[in-house]
Structures are given as structure tokens and as C-alpha cells.
Amino acid sequence: MNWPLKIQGRLVTEEDVDKIRMLLLNNPLWNRSRLSRELCKLWEWQRPDGQIKDIACRELLRKLEFRSLIQLPPRQRYGPKQITAKIEPLEIDQSLLSCSLSEIKPVKIINVSQCPKYEKTFNYLMKEYHYLSYGRPVGQNMKYLIIGKNERFLGCLLFGAAAWKIEARDQWIGWSVEKREKNLGLICNNTRFLILDWIRIPHLASHVLGGCLRHLSSDWKRRYGTDIALVETFVDTTRYKGTCYKASNFVRVGQTKGRGRQDRDRTIKISIKGIFLYPLQRNAMKKLLS
């Protein structure tokens, strides 16, 4: 084993692993969440808003276990796929709506974190009607629900953490490995974008995307304390052309290689996706390279 290990952007030493083993040995009743919280406090590992990096720490622990360096206690909570199955069904108006954009205005873009009453609706629509379905998002995220005239549900958008390493994106930015690891938190990913199948309104997608982008940076900073500079998204070009992203001035910088996040053995084949980027600030590149 070559020490230190770089996991989740953090250098982990042999002494760190020994400390984790001692915590596990001395606290046999701790679950994974408790271990993660205690480690974050011990390492002073936190986000700019002062919240501990609990999710990142749990992933670090899983990767140490995968390397057979530690043995974690059994899982106690449902995973994202199991949580997805528990989302309650809702009555949704599925009648065809075909009109001009002006006829459905005003179009409201609801920040779900500030309006919790819409949480169940957002979760249900994403689970039932997005082609990738939906589970509980891991880590930092922003959910937006799109509502038109007469409180008609039109769609949803979800933004989450950026991909750890994407060759075309990193080359476009001009990142070194060190700069990427330092500044990755300045990027977020539009992981889901849903316009409901029975909504047929020209230019609606680009209209709501533009509206979200105008508020995203301030919403993210208010919630997480990070002044994000860039949005990325991956478009499955076997299904979509990315028209709304192009109309919203996203730049296509390349494509993925058809591998998933968990493809350690390079054997999992998934759809190749176009990579689109959108700077949220005029000085975005300067911040990303600082």
C-alpha cells in the first residue's frame, strides 16, 4: 500500500486508518453515521457553511472498506433505491396541455428547500416520470418544482454535486489535479431535468432553465455557503439533442466515455453523454483556477 491515499479529495495516512480502527474497536455500538460524524469532528472536515462533510466521509469509509483496510458495522438505513420505493403516489393532472408559453404564464420556479410542502410532489414526479427514476439525492442538492397557470405542475429540476473527474470538462477549464481537488465544490451538476410528457409548450424548457440559473448561485450560497461558479450537465444524446441547454448558452465541450461512477473494472457500459457547461459568473474561470 502506497501511503498516503487520496480519497474524496482528502489525503488519508496509515495513522488515520489506525485511528478509525481504534474508534471501531472502542465503540462497538456506533453505526456508520456516528462514526462518520465523529471523524468529521476529529478531522475538522467541514463545508464553508460550517456543516460537517458527513456524506463525503461516509463514502471515504466505504472506499477504505472496499480496500479491506477497515470493516464497517452493518448498514442500518435503507439505501436510495429502497427509499425510492417508499415515495407515496399522488393524484396528478395528466391531461394534455398544448399551448404557447405566454398562455401558461406566470411560470413559477419553486425552490423546494424553502417550500417543504412541495417536497412530496417533487419526489413523486421525478420518481414516476423521469426516465432515470429518482432516489434520495446524496450530498448537497437544490430541487426546483415548475408550476404554471392555475397551479398546473409542469416539471422539475435537480442540481447536485459535480462529477469527480471528467476529462473533457477538466481540459476545458485547464485544471491541474490539485486545482480540481481544491475547487470542485465550485461546480454543481444538473442531474435531472423533467418536463412532463403531457406538457407540450414550445420554449418552456429553456425558459425555466434560464430562470433557475438566475437564482441558482444565490440559492446555493444561502443554503451551503459556497459561491458556485459553473454548472455542468450530461445529456443522453441517444434520447435528446440538448436543445434547451444550447438555447440557454451552455457550451458543449465533449462527451463521456460510457462508464459509470462505480465502474472500477471498466466493464459497465452506459450511454455516452454530451457534456455541457455554463459559467454562472463572469469571473468563473478565474475562480476555478485560483
Protein backbone atom coordinates (compact mmCIF):
# COMPACT_ATOMS: atom_id res chain seq x y z
CA MET A 1 0.00 0.00 0.00
CA ASN A 2 1.37 3.40 -1.02
CA TRP A 3 0.63 5.96 1.69
CA PRO A 4 -0.97 8.43 1.89
CA LEU A 5 -4.13 7.51 -0.04
CA LYS A 6 -6.12 10.23 -1.77
CA ILE A 7 -9.83 9.55 -1.22
CA GLN A 8 -12.70 12.03 -1.64
CA GLY A 9 -10.13 14.78 -2.15
CA ARG A 10 -8.50 14.04 1.22
CA LEU A 11 -5.10 12.55 1.99
CA VAL A 12 -5.55 9.56 4.29
CA THR A 13 -2.47 8.35 6.16
CA GLU A 14 -1.76 4.97 7.70
CA GLU A 15 -2.14 6.67 11.09
CA ASP A 16 -5.63 7.87 10.07
CA VAL A 17 -6.67 4.32 9.26
CA ASP A 18 -5.28 3.08 12.58
CA LYS A 19 -7.33 5.76 14.35
CA ILE A 20 -10.50 4.61 12.55
CA ARG A 21 -9.80 1.02 13.59
CA MET A 22 -9.40 2.11 17.20
CA LEU A 23 -12.67 4.07 17.09
CA LEU A 24 -14.44 0.98 15.75
CA LEU A 25 -12.82 -1.26 18.36
CA ASN A 26 -13.56 1.04 21.30
CA ASN A 27 -17.11 1.91 20.23
CA PRO A 28 -18.78 -1.32 19.07
CA LEU A 29 -22.28 0.21 19.32
CA TRP A 30 -21.55 3.03 16.87
CA ASN A 31 -23.25 2.82 13.47
CA ARG A 32 -21.74 4.18 10.27
CA SER A 33 -23.39 7.58 10.67
CA ARG A 34 -22.00 8.05 14.18
CA LEU A 35 -18.52 7.01 13.05
CA SER A 36 -18.68 9.45 10.14
CA ARG A 37 -19.80 12.35 12.32
CA GLU A 38 -17.10 11.72 14.90
CA LEU A 39 -14.40 11.52 12.23
CA CYS A 40 -15.53 14.79 10.66
CA LYS A 41 -15.25 16.48 14.04
CA LEU A 42 -11.87 14.88 14.72
CA TRP A 43 -10.51 15.96 11.33
CA GLU A 44 -12.34 19.31 11.34
CA TRP A 45 -13.66 18.30 7.93
CA GLN A 46 -16.46 20.72 7.05
CA ARG A 47 -18.05 22.77 4.29
CA PRO A 48 -17.71 26.56 4.01
CA ASP A 49 -21.06 26.96 5.81
CA GLY A 50 -19.64 25.09 8.82
CA GLN A 51 -21.58 21.85 8.29
CA ILE A 52 -19.55 18.65 8.54
CA LYS A 53 -18.83 16.71 5.34
CA ASP A 54 -20.79 13.72 6.57
CA ILE A 55 -21.70 12.26 3.16
CA ALA A 56 -18.14 12.58 1.82
CA CYS A 57 -16.81 10.95 4.97
CA ARG A 58 -19.18 8.00 4.65
CA GLU A 59 -18.03 7.49 1.06
CA LEU A 60 -14.41 7.64 2.24
CA LEU A 61 -15.17 4.94 4.82
CA ARG A 62 -16.82 2.74 2.20
CA LYS A 63 -13.78 3.05 -0.05
CA LEU A 64 -11.46 2.10 2.82
CA GLU A 65 -13.63 -0.94 3.44
CA PHE A 66 -13.51 -1.81 -0.26
CA ARG A 67 -9.72 -1.82 0.04
CA SER A 68 -10.06 -4.22 3.03
CA LEU A 69 -8.41 -1.67 5.33
CA ILE A 70 -11.34 -1.49 7.77
CA GLN A 71 -14.56 -3.37 8.47
CA LEU A 72 -17.61 -1.19 8.95
CA PRO A 73 -20.66 -2.08 11.06
CA PRO A 74 -23.68 -3.40 9.11
CA ARG A 75 -25.93 -0.90 7.34
CA GLN A 76 -28.95 0.20 9.34
CA ARG A 77 -30.79 2.52 6.96
CA TYR A 78 -32.42 1.96 3.62
CA GLY A 79 -30.34 2.78 0.57
CA PRO A 80 -31.53 5.32 -2.06
CA LYS A 81 -33.24 2.66 -4.22
CA GLN A 82 -35.21 1.34 -1.25
CA ILE A 83 -36.18 4.87 -0.23
CA THR A 84 -37.41 5.50 -3.76
CA ALA A 85 -39.91 2.67 -3.41
CA LYS A 86 -41.41 4.38 -0.34
CA ILE A 87 -42.38 7.58 -2.18
CA GLU A 88 -46.13 7.97 -1.86
CA PRO A 89 -48.27 8.18 -5.03
CA LEU A 90 -50.12 11.43 -5.76
CA GLU A 91 -53.01 12.47 -7.96
CA ILE A 92 -51.53 14.45 -10.86
CA ASP A 93 -53.41 16.10 -13.73
CA GLN A 94 -52.13 14.23 -16.81
CA SER A 95 -54.38 15.83 -19.41
CA LEU A 96 -52.62 17.14 -22.49
CA LEU A 97 -51.55 20.77 -22.24
CA SER A 98 -50.56 22.17 -25.62
CA CYS A 99 -50.30 25.93 -25.85
CA SER A 100 -47.90 28.83 -26.19
CA LEU A 101 -45.58 29.81 -23.37
CA SER A 102 -47.46 33.07 -22.82
CA GLU A 103 -50.72 31.18 -22.23
CA ILE A 104 -49.30 29.21 -19.27
CA LYS A 105 -47.66 32.22 -17.58
CA PRO A 106 -46.91 33.10 -14.90
CA VAL A 107 -44.48 30.18 -14.65
CA LYS A 108 -43.28 29.78 -11.06
CA ILE A 109 -39.92 28.21 -10.21
CA ILE A 110 -40.26 26.93 -6.65
CA ASN A 111 -37.16 26.34 -4.53
CA VAL A 112 -38.34 23.23 -2.69
CA SER A 113 -35.88 23.71 0.19
CA GLN A 114 -37.74 26.93 1.04
CA CYS A 115 -41.22 25.44 0.43
CA PRO A 116 -41.20 21.98 2.08
CA LYS A 117 -44.89 21.41 1.24
CA TYR A 118 -43.77 20.67 -2.33
CA GLU A 119 -41.21 18.01 -1.35
CA LYS A 120 -43.56 15.04 -1.84
CA THR A 121 -44.73 16.35 -5.22
CA PHE A 122 -41.16 16.84 -6.44
CA ASN A 123 -40.10 13.36 -5.29
CA TYR A 124 -43.13 11.68 -6.85
CA LEU A 125 -42.85 13.41 -10.23
CA MET A 126 -39.15 12.63 -10.53
CA LYS A 127 -39.58 9.00 -9.49
CA GLU A 128 -42.55 8.28 -11.74
CA TYR A 129 -41.84 10.33 -14.83
CA HIS A 130 -38.09 10.86 -15.26
CA TYR A 131 -36.55 8.11 -17.41
CA LEU A 132 -33.77 7.60 -14.83
CA SER A 133 -36.28 7.48 -11.97
CA TYR A 134 -35.20 9.01 -8.68
CA GLY A 135 -33.82 8.16 -5.25
CA ARG A 136 -32.79 10.32 -2.35
CA PRO A 137 -30.00 12.66 -3.58
CA VAL A 138 -26.67 12.23 -1.81
CA GLY A 139 -24.88 15.32 -0.55
CA GLN A 140 -25.60 18.94 -1.46
CA ASN A 141 -28.54 19.49 -3.78
CA MET A 142 -31.15 22.00 -4.92
CA LYS A 143 -34.64 20.97 -6.01
CA TYR A 144 -36.91 23.14 -8.13
CA LEU A 145 -40.56 22.48 -8.97
CA ILE A 146 -42.06 24.17 -12.04
CA ILE A 147 -45.67 25.33 -11.75
CA GLY A 148 -47.73 27.12 -14.39
CA LYS A 149 -51.01 28.97 -14.53
CA ASN A 150 -53.80 27.51 -12.38
CA GLU A 151 -51.19 25.67 -10.27
CA ARG A 152 -50.53 23.16 -13.05
CA PHE A 153 -47.40 21.07 -12.46
CA LEU A 154 -45.07 21.30 -15.45
CA GLY A 155 -41.79 19.69 -14.39
CA CYS A 156 -38.79 19.65 -12.06
CA LEU A 157 -35.05 20.30 -11.97
CA LEU A 158 -32.46 18.83 -9.62
CA PHE A 159 -28.93 20.12 -9.11
CA GLY A 160 -26.32 18.19 -7.14
CA ALA A 161 -22.59 17.62 -6.67
CA ALA A 162 -20.25 17.77 -9.65
CA ALA A 163 -18.69 14.67 -11.16
CA TRP A 164 -15.32 13.93 -9.56
CA LYS A 165 -13.28 13.69 -12.75
CA ILE A 166 -14.40 14.38 -16.34
CA GLU A 167 -11.59 14.64 -18.88
CA ALA A 168 -13.29 17.00 -21.36
CA ARG A 169 -14.52 19.33 -18.61
CA ASP A 170 -11.19 19.43 -16.83
CA GLN A 171 -9.31 20.12 -20.06
CA TRP A 172 -11.73 22.93 -20.96
CA ILE A 173 -11.19 24.56 -17.57
CA GLY A 174 -7.44 23.95 -17.70
CA TRP A 175 -7.33 22.27 -14.30
CA SER A 176 -4.40 20.52 -12.79
CA VAL A 177 -5.26 17.61 -10.49
CA GLU A 178 -4.53 19.81 -7.48
CA LYS A 179 -6.78 22.65 -8.69
CA ARG A 180 -9.60 20.23 -9.44
CA GLU A 181 -9.44 18.69 -5.98
CA LYS A 182 -9.34 22.15 -4.39
CA ASN A 183 -12.12 23.79 -6.40
CA LEU A 184 -14.51 21.01 -7.42
CA GLY A 185 -17.03 22.34 -4.89
CA LEU A 186 -17.42 25.44 -7.08
CA ILE A 187 -19.25 23.32 -9.68
CA CYS A 188 -22.71 21.78 -9.45
CA ASN A 189 -24.40 19.30 -11.77
CA ASN A 190 -27.89 19.50 -13.26
CA THR A 191 -28.51 15.80 -12.61
CA ARG A 192 -32.23 15.73 -13.54
CA PHE A 193 -34.42 17.86 -15.80
CA LEU A 194 -38.03 16.84 -16.31
CA ILE A 195 -40.75 18.38 -18.42
CA LEU A 196 -43.78 16.12 -18.02
CA ASP A 197 -44.68 14.12 -21.13
CA TRP A 198 -48.16 15.63 -21.49
CA ILE A 199 -46.86 19.21 -21.37
CA ARG A 200 -46.32 20.41 -24.96
CA ILE A 201 -45.24 24.03 -24.71
CA PRO A 202 -42.55 25.33 -27.10
CA HIS A 203 -39.60 27.05 -25.40
CA LEU A 204 -40.77 26.09 -21.89
CA ALA A 205 -37.64 24.05 -21.10
CA SER A 206 -35.18 26.83 -21.96
CA HIS A 207 -37.41 29.39 -20.18
CA VAL A 208 -37.40 27.53 -16.86
CA LEU A 209 -33.74 26.52 -17.17
CA GLY A 210 -32.78 30.17 -17.62
CA GLY A 211 -34.93 31.11 -14.63
CA CYS A 212 -33.26 28.50 -12.45
CA LEU A 213 -29.78 29.59 -13.48
CA ARG A 214 -30.52 33.19 -12.49
CA HIS A 215 -31.30 32.11 -8.91
CA LEU A 216 -29.10 29.04 -8.51
CA SER A 217 -25.91 30.72 -7.32
CA SER A 218 -27.62 32.78 -4.60
CA ASP A 219 -29.83 29.84 -3.56
CA TRP A 220 -26.80 27.56 -3.28
CA LYS A 221 -24.79 30.11 -1.31
CA ARG A 222 -27.71 30.77 1.05
CA ARG A 223 -28.10 27.06 1.75
CA TYR A 224 -24.50 25.81 1.69
CA GLY A 225 -22.25 28.87 1.93
CA THR A 226 -20.48 28.13 -1.37
CA ASP A 227 -20.41 30.64 -4.23
CA ILE A 228 -20.64 28.19 -7.14
CA ALA A 229 -19.15 29.35 -10.43
CA LEU A 230 -20.10 26.72 -13.02
CA VAL A 231 -22.93 24.33 -13.87
CA GLU A 232 -22.35 21.06 -15.71
CA THR A 233 -24.81 18.59 -17.17
CA PHE A 234 -24.67 15.36 -19.16
CA VAL A 235 -27.18 14.85 -21.98
CA ASP A 236 -28.00 11.36 -23.23
CA THR A 237 -27.77 12.09 -26.96
CA THR A 238 -29.49 8.82 -27.86
CA ARG A 239 -32.65 10.41 -26.37
CA TYR A 240 -32.20 14.17 -26.55
CA LYS A 241 -30.40 16.84 -28.56
CA GLY A 242 -29.71 19.18 -25.67
CA THR A 243 -31.69 21.95 -27.40
CA CYS A 244 -32.72 23.78 -24.22
CA TYR A 245 -29.12 23.81 -22.97
CA LYS A 246 -27.87 25.22 -26.25
CA ALA A 247 -30.63 27.85 -26.17
CA SER A 248 -29.52 28.78 -22.63
CA ASN A 249 -25.91 29.31 -23.80
CA PHE A 250 -24.41 26.14 -22.37
CA VAL A 251 -21.21 25.13 -24.16
CA ARG A 252 -20.75 21.54 -25.31
CA VAL A 253 -17.15 20.60 -24.52
CA GLY A 254 -17.09 16.88 -25.37
CA GLN A 255 -18.65 13.61 -24.35
CA THR A 256 -18.33 10.97 -21.67
CA LYS A 257 -16.68 7.61 -22.24
CA GLY A 258 -19.68 5.45 -21.42
CA ARG A 259 -18.57 4.46 -17.92
CA GLY A 260 -20.37 4.92 -14.61
CA ARG A 261 -19.11 6.23 -11.27
CA GLN A 262 -18.77 2.72 -9.86
CA ASP A 263 -17.02 1.18 -12.88
CA ARG A 264 -13.73 0.29 -11.20
CA ASP A 265 -13.07 -2.61 -13.59
CA ARG A 266 -14.05 -0.71 -16.77
CA THR A 267 -16.73 -3.25 -17.62
CA ILE A 268 -20.00 -1.35 -17.05
CA LYS A 269 -21.32 0.14 -20.29
CA ILE A 270 -23.75 3.06 -20.16
CA SER A 271 -24.93 5.60 -22.71
CA ILE A 272 -22.35 8.09 -23.94
CA LYS A 273 -23.49 11.59 -22.95
CA GLY A 274 -22.71 15.05 -24.24
CA ILE A 275 -21.00 17.29 -21.66
CA PHE A 276 -22.41 20.82 -21.40
CA LEU A 277 -21.07 23.65 -19.20
CA TYR A 278 -22.42 27.04 -18.19
CA PRO A 279 -20.43 29.69 -16.25
CA LEU A 280 -22.63 31.36 -13.65
CA GLN A 281 -20.28 34.31 -13.14
CA ARG A 282 -18.15 36.49 -15.39
CA ASN A 283 -15.05 35.59 -13.39
CA ALA A 284 -15.92 31.89 -13.22
CA MET A 285 -12.71 30.70 -14.85
CA LYS A 286 -10.58 32.87 -12.59
CA LYS A 287 -12.26 31.39 -9.51
CA LEU A 288 -11.93 27.83 -10.76
CA LEU A 289 -8.22 28.30 -11.44
CA SER A 290 -7.40 30.24 -8.28
